[in-house]
Amino acid sequence: MNDMEWGGVGETEGPFMAGASPPGAGLRIPDMAEGEDEIDVLRWLFWDYVKDLRGHQAELETIKAREIDPAKLKKAMETAKTVREAVQLLMAERSKVDKLRKDIAGGVGGGALDLDAARDEIGRRLACLRRAGGG
């Protein structure tokens, strides 16, 4: 089992399944192509950072074995910081897109709560927390 495979019970959920990669993974996008929006660029950047993190797996294993190379540790920490910042940016952009969608839709639905969808989302998040916590 590699570092990205699910070792628990049941099916995995979400975009981070073992061996998952977007079409054309490994490509770096230097500039936005015509017709491409910011979300697409962020998605590609995110997957690029995931690839970089996977590349640091060997360094992390040597760190666990107490064979620490300070330069590699520094590089791994910089990559982790960059990934954290990219995820924060991605989440902020997602919030902006959701807000724009709501603004465009206007009063559609009258602001009523979709309790079934909320219940499903809570259940999904609890399942993720249980898996992450081992309980």
C-alpha atoms as a PDB file:
ATOM      1  CA  MET A   1       0.000   0.000   0.000  1.00  0.00           C
ATOM      2  CA  ASN A   2       1.417   3.411  -0.930  1.00  0.00           C
ATOM      3  CA  ASP A   3       1.140   6.600   1.110  1.00  0.00           C
ATOM      4  CA  MET A   4      -2.060   7.716  -0.609  1.00  0.00           C
ATOM      5  CA  GLU A   5      -4.050   4.461  -0.368  1.00  0.00           C
ATOM      6  CA  TRP A   6      -6.918   3.994   2.033  1.00  0.00           C
ATOM      7  CA  GLY A   7      -6.142   1.267   4.547  1.00  0.00           C
ATOM      8  CA  GLY A   8      -9.391   1.441   6.517  1.00  0.00           C
ATOM      9  CA  VAL A   9     -12.703  -0.321   6.240  1.00  0.00           C
ATOM     10  CA  GLY A  10     -15.192   0.563   3.520  1.00  0.00           C
ATOM     11  CA  GLU A  11     -15.027   2.759   0.479  1.00  0.00           C
ATOM     12  CA  THR A  12     -13.126   6.024   0.383  1.00  0.00           C
ATOM     13  CA  GLU A  13     -14.941   9.264  -0.274  1.00  0.00           C
ATOM     14  CA  GLY A  14     -13.897  12.525  -1.819  1.00  0.00           C
ATOM     15  CA  PRO A  15     -11.302  13.593  -4.365  1.00  0.00           C
ATOM     16  CA  PHE A  16      -8.258  12.047  -2.639  1.00  0.00           C
ATOM     17  CA  MET A  17      -8.614   8.403  -3.561  1.00  0.00           C
ATOM     18  CA  ALA A  18      -5.626   6.109  -4.079  1.00  0.00           C
ATOM     19  CA  GLY A  19      -3.988   6.620  -7.420  1.00  0.00           C
ATOM     20  CA  ALA A  20      -6.347   9.442  -8.322  1.00  0.00           C
ATOM     21  CA  SER A  21      -4.980  12.145 -10.543  1.00  0.00           C
ATOM     22  CA  PRO A  22      -6.586  14.645 -12.866  1.00  0.00           C
ATOM     23  CA  PRO A  23      -6.366  14.240 -16.612  1.00  0.00           C
ATOM     24  CA  GLY A  24      -2.930  15.339 -17.788  1.00  0.00           C
ATOM     25  CA  ALA A  25      -1.404  15.067 -14.308  1.00  0.00           C
ATOM     26  CA  GLY A  26       2.181  16.215 -14.138  1.00  0.00           C
ATOM     27  CA  LEU A  27       1.693  19.129 -16.510  1.00  0.00           C
ATOM     28  CA  ARG A  28       2.632  22.540 -15.212  1.00  0.00           C
ATOM     29  CA  ILE A  29       0.497  25.435 -16.404  1.00  0.00           C
ATOM     30  CA  PRO A  30       2.714  28.517 -16.673  1.00  0.00           C
ATOM     31  CA  ASP A  31      -0.072  30.931 -17.644  1.00  0.00           C
ATOM     32  CA  MET A  32      -3.807  30.735 -18.042  1.00  0.00           C
ATOM     33  CA  ALA A  33      -4.802  29.398 -21.423  1.00  0.00           C
ATOM     34  CA  GLU A  34      -7.571  31.068 -23.382  1.00  0.00           C
ATOM     35  CA  GLY A  35     -10.959  30.057 -22.011  1.00  0.00           C
ATOM     36  CA  GLU A  36      -9.510  28.692 -18.780  1.00  0.00           C
ATOM     37  CA  ASP A  37     -10.700  30.169 -15.505  1.00  0.00           C
ATOM     38  CA  GLU A  38      -8.902  30.653 -12.202  1.00  0.00           C
ATOM     39  CA  ILE A  39     -10.495  27.586 -10.635  1.00  0.00           C
ATOM     40  CA  ASP A  40      -8.971  25.360 -13.345  1.00  0.00           C
ATOM     41  CA  VAL A  41      -5.540  26.879 -12.756  1.00  0.00           C
ATOM     42  CA  LEU A  42      -5.889  26.412  -8.999  1.00  0.00           C
ATOM     43  CA  ARG A  43      -6.938  22.798  -9.524  1.00  0.00           C
ATOM     44  CA  TRP A  44      -3.826  22.120 -11.615  1.00  0.00           C
ATOM     45  CA  LEU A  45      -1.602  23.888  -9.081  1.00  0.00           C
ATOM     46  CA  PHE A  46      -3.140  21.888  -6.254  1.00  0.00           C
ATOM     47  CA  TRP A  47      -2.452  18.582  -8.024  1.00  0.00           C
ATOM     48  CA  ASP A  48       1.080  19.758  -8.800  1.00  0.00           C
ATOM     49  CA  TYR A  49       1.658  20.359  -5.087  1.00  0.00           C
ATOM     50  CA  VAL A  50       0.194  16.946  -4.271  1.00  0.00           C
ATOM     51  CA  LYS A  51       2.738  15.433  -6.676  1.00  0.00           C
ATOM     52  CA  ASP A  52       5.523  17.369  -4.915  1.00  0.00           C
ATOM     53  CA  LEU A  53       4.360  16.084  -1.536  1.00  0.00           C
ATOM     54  CA  ARG A  54       4.401  12.522  -2.806  1.00  0.00           C
ATOM     55  CA  GLY A  55       7.968  13.148  -3.923  1.00  0.00           C
ATOM     56  CA  HIS A  56       8.901  14.023  -0.354  1.00  0.00           C
ATOM     57  CA  GLN A  57       7.674  10.679   0.980  1.00  0.00           C
ATOM     58  CA  ALA A  58      11.176   9.145   0.875  1.00  0.00           C
ATOM     59  CA  GLU A  59      12.597  12.095   2.787  1.00  0.00           C
ATOM     60  CA  LEU A  60       9.875  11.727   5.405  1.00  0.00           C
ATOM     61  CA  GLU A  61      10.700   8.035   5.815  1.00  0.00           C
ATOM     62  CA  THR A  62      14.371   8.852   6.420  1.00  0.00           C
ATOM     63  CA  ILE A  63      13.340  11.499   8.946  1.00  0.00           C
ATOM     64  CA  LYS A  64      11.326   8.857  10.779  1.00  0.00           C
ATOM     65  CA  ALA A  65      14.453   6.673  10.766  1.00  0.00           C
ATOM     66  CA  ARG A  66      16.370   9.570  12.384  1.00  0.00           C
ATOM     67  CA  GLU A  67      18.539  10.129   9.301  1.00  0.00           C
ATOM     68  CA  ILE A  68      17.779  13.808   8.867  1.00  0.00           C
ATOM     69  CA  ASP A  69      19.308  15.888   6.088  1.00  0.00           C
ATOM     70  CA  PRO A  70      18.617  19.519   7.106  1.00  0.00           C
ATOM     71  CA  ALA A  71      18.401  20.719   3.494  1.00  0.00           C
ATOM     72  CA  LYS A  72      15.795  18.096   2.582  1.00  0.00           C
ATOM     73  CA  LEU A  73      13.859  18.778   5.780  1.00  0.00           C
ATOM     74  CA  LYS A  74      13.804  22.497   4.993  1.00  0.00           C
ATOM     75  CA  LYS A  75      12.591  21.791   1.440  1.00  0.00           C
ATOM     76  CA  ALA A  76       9.849  19.484   2.753  1.00  0.00           C
ATOM     77  CA  MET A  77       8.726  22.129   5.247  1.00  0.00           C
ATOM     78  CA  GLU A  78       8.654  24.786   2.515  1.00  0.00           C
ATOM     79  CA  THR A  79       6.567  22.514   0.294  1.00  0.00           C
ATOM     80  CA  ALA A  80       4.144  21.781   3.129  1.00  0.00           C
ATOM     81  CA  LYS A  81       3.791  25.511   3.800  1.00  0.00           C
ATOM     82  CA  THR A  82       3.178  26.191   0.107  1.00  0.00           C
ATOM     83  CA  VAL A  83       0.557  23.445  -0.062  1.00  0.00           C
ATOM     84  CA  ARG A  84      -1.185  24.823   3.024  1.00  0.00           C
ATOM     85  CA  GLU A  85      -1.273  28.297   1.460  1.00  0.00           C
ATOM     86  CA  ALA A  86      -2.535  26.864  -1.841  1.00  0.00           C
ATOM     87  CA  VAL A  87      -5.322  24.973  -0.075  1.00  0.00           C
ATOM     88  CA  GLN A  88      -6.314  28.128   1.807  1.00  0.00           C
ATOM     89  CA  LEU A  89      -6.389  30.045  -1.476  1.00  0.00           C
ATOM     90  CA  LEU A  90      -8.405  27.277  -3.109  1.00  0.00           C
ATOM     91  CA  MET A  91     -10.945  27.306  -0.279  1.00  0.00           C
ATOM     92  CA  ALA A  92     -11.210  31.107  -0.407  1.00  0.00           C
ATOM     93  CA  GLU A  93     -11.811  30.989  -4.167  1.00  0.00           C
ATOM     94  CA  ARG A  94     -14.393  28.245  -3.691  1.00  0.00           C
ATOM     95  CA  SER A  95     -16.230  30.452  -1.193  1.00  0.00           C
ATOM     96  CA  LYS A  96     -16.161  33.339  -3.653  1.00  0.00           C
ATOM     97  CA  VAL A  97     -17.539  31.134  -6.438  1.00  0.00           C
ATOM     98  CA  ASP A  98     -20.312  29.860  -4.154  1.00  0.00           C
ATOM     99  CA  LYS A  99     -21.191  33.432  -3.189  1.00  0.00           C
ATOM    100  CA  LEU A 100     -21.280  34.481  -6.855  1.00  0.00           C
ATOM    101  CA  ARG A 101     -23.544  31.547  -7.692  1.00  0.00           C
ATOM    102  CA  LYS A 102     -25.908  32.555  -4.913  1.00  0.00           C
ATOM    103  CA  ASP A 103     -25.851  36.187  -6.053  1.00  0.00           C
ATOM    104  CA  ILE A 104     -26.567  35.189  -9.658  1.00  0.00           C
ATOM    105  CA  ALA A 105     -29.392  32.879  -8.600  1.00  0.00           C
ATOM    106  CA  GLY A 106     -30.941  35.702  -6.611  1.00  0.00           C
ATOM    107  CA  GLY A 107     -33.940  34.659  -4.559  1.00  0.00           C
ATOM    108  CA  VAL A 108     -34.248  31.202  -6.070  1.00  0.00           C
ATOM    109  CA  GLY A 109     -35.523  28.860  -3.400  1.00  0.00           C
ATOM    110  CA  GLY A 110     -36.309  31.690  -1.024  1.00  0.00           C
ATOM    111  CA  GLY A 111     -33.382  30.791   1.234  1.00  0.00           C
ATOM    112  CA  ALA A 112     -35.085  27.632   2.492  1.00  0.00           C
ATOM    113  CA  LEU A 113     -32.876  25.090   4.200  1.00  0.00           C
ATOM    114  CA  ASP A 114     -32.321  21.767   2.488  1.00  0.00           C
ATOM    115  CA  LEU A 115     -32.223  19.605   5.600  1.00  0.00           C
ATOM    116  CA  ASP A 116     -31.671  16.369   3.677  1.00  0.00           C
ATOM    117  CA  ALA A 117     -28.588  17.793   1.976  1.00  0.00           C
ATOM    118  CA  ALA A 118     -27.342  19.189   5.298  1.00  0.00           C
ATOM    119  CA  ARG A 119     -27.829  15.804   6.987  1.00  0.00           C
ATOM    120  CA  ASP A 120     -25.931  14.067   4.180  1.00  0.00           C
ATOM    121  CA  GLU A 121     -23.084  16.580   4.400  1.00  0.00           C
ATOM    122  CA  ILE A 122     -22.826  16.193   8.178  1.00  0.00           C
ATOM    123  CA  GLY A 123     -22.765  12.413   7.820  1.00  0.00           C
ATOM    124  CA  ARG A 124     -20.048  12.612   5.170  1.00  0.00           C
ATOM    125  CA  ARG A 125     -17.903  14.901   7.312  1.00  0.00           C
ATOM    126  CA  LEU A 126     -18.354  12.707  10.391  1.00  0.00           C
ATOM    127  CA  ALA A 127     -17.295   9.668   8.364  1.00  0.00           C
ATOM    128  CA  CYS A 128     -14.162  11.526   7.248  1.00  0.00           C
ATOM    129  CA  LEU A 129     -13.381  12.496  10.852  1.00  0.00           C
ATOM    130  CA  ARG A 130     -13.891   8.923  12.049  1.00  0.00           C
ATOM    131  CA  ARG A 131     -11.526   7.620   9.390  1.00  0.00           C
ATOM    132  CA  ALA A 132      -8.913  10.259  10.176  1.00  0.00           C
ATOM    133  CA  GLY A 133      -9.148   9.648  13.913  1.00  0.00           C
ATOM    134  CA  GLY A 134      -9.118   5.881  13.681  1.00  0.00           C
ATOM    135  CA  GLY A 135     -12.433   5.659  15.532  1.00  0.00           C
END
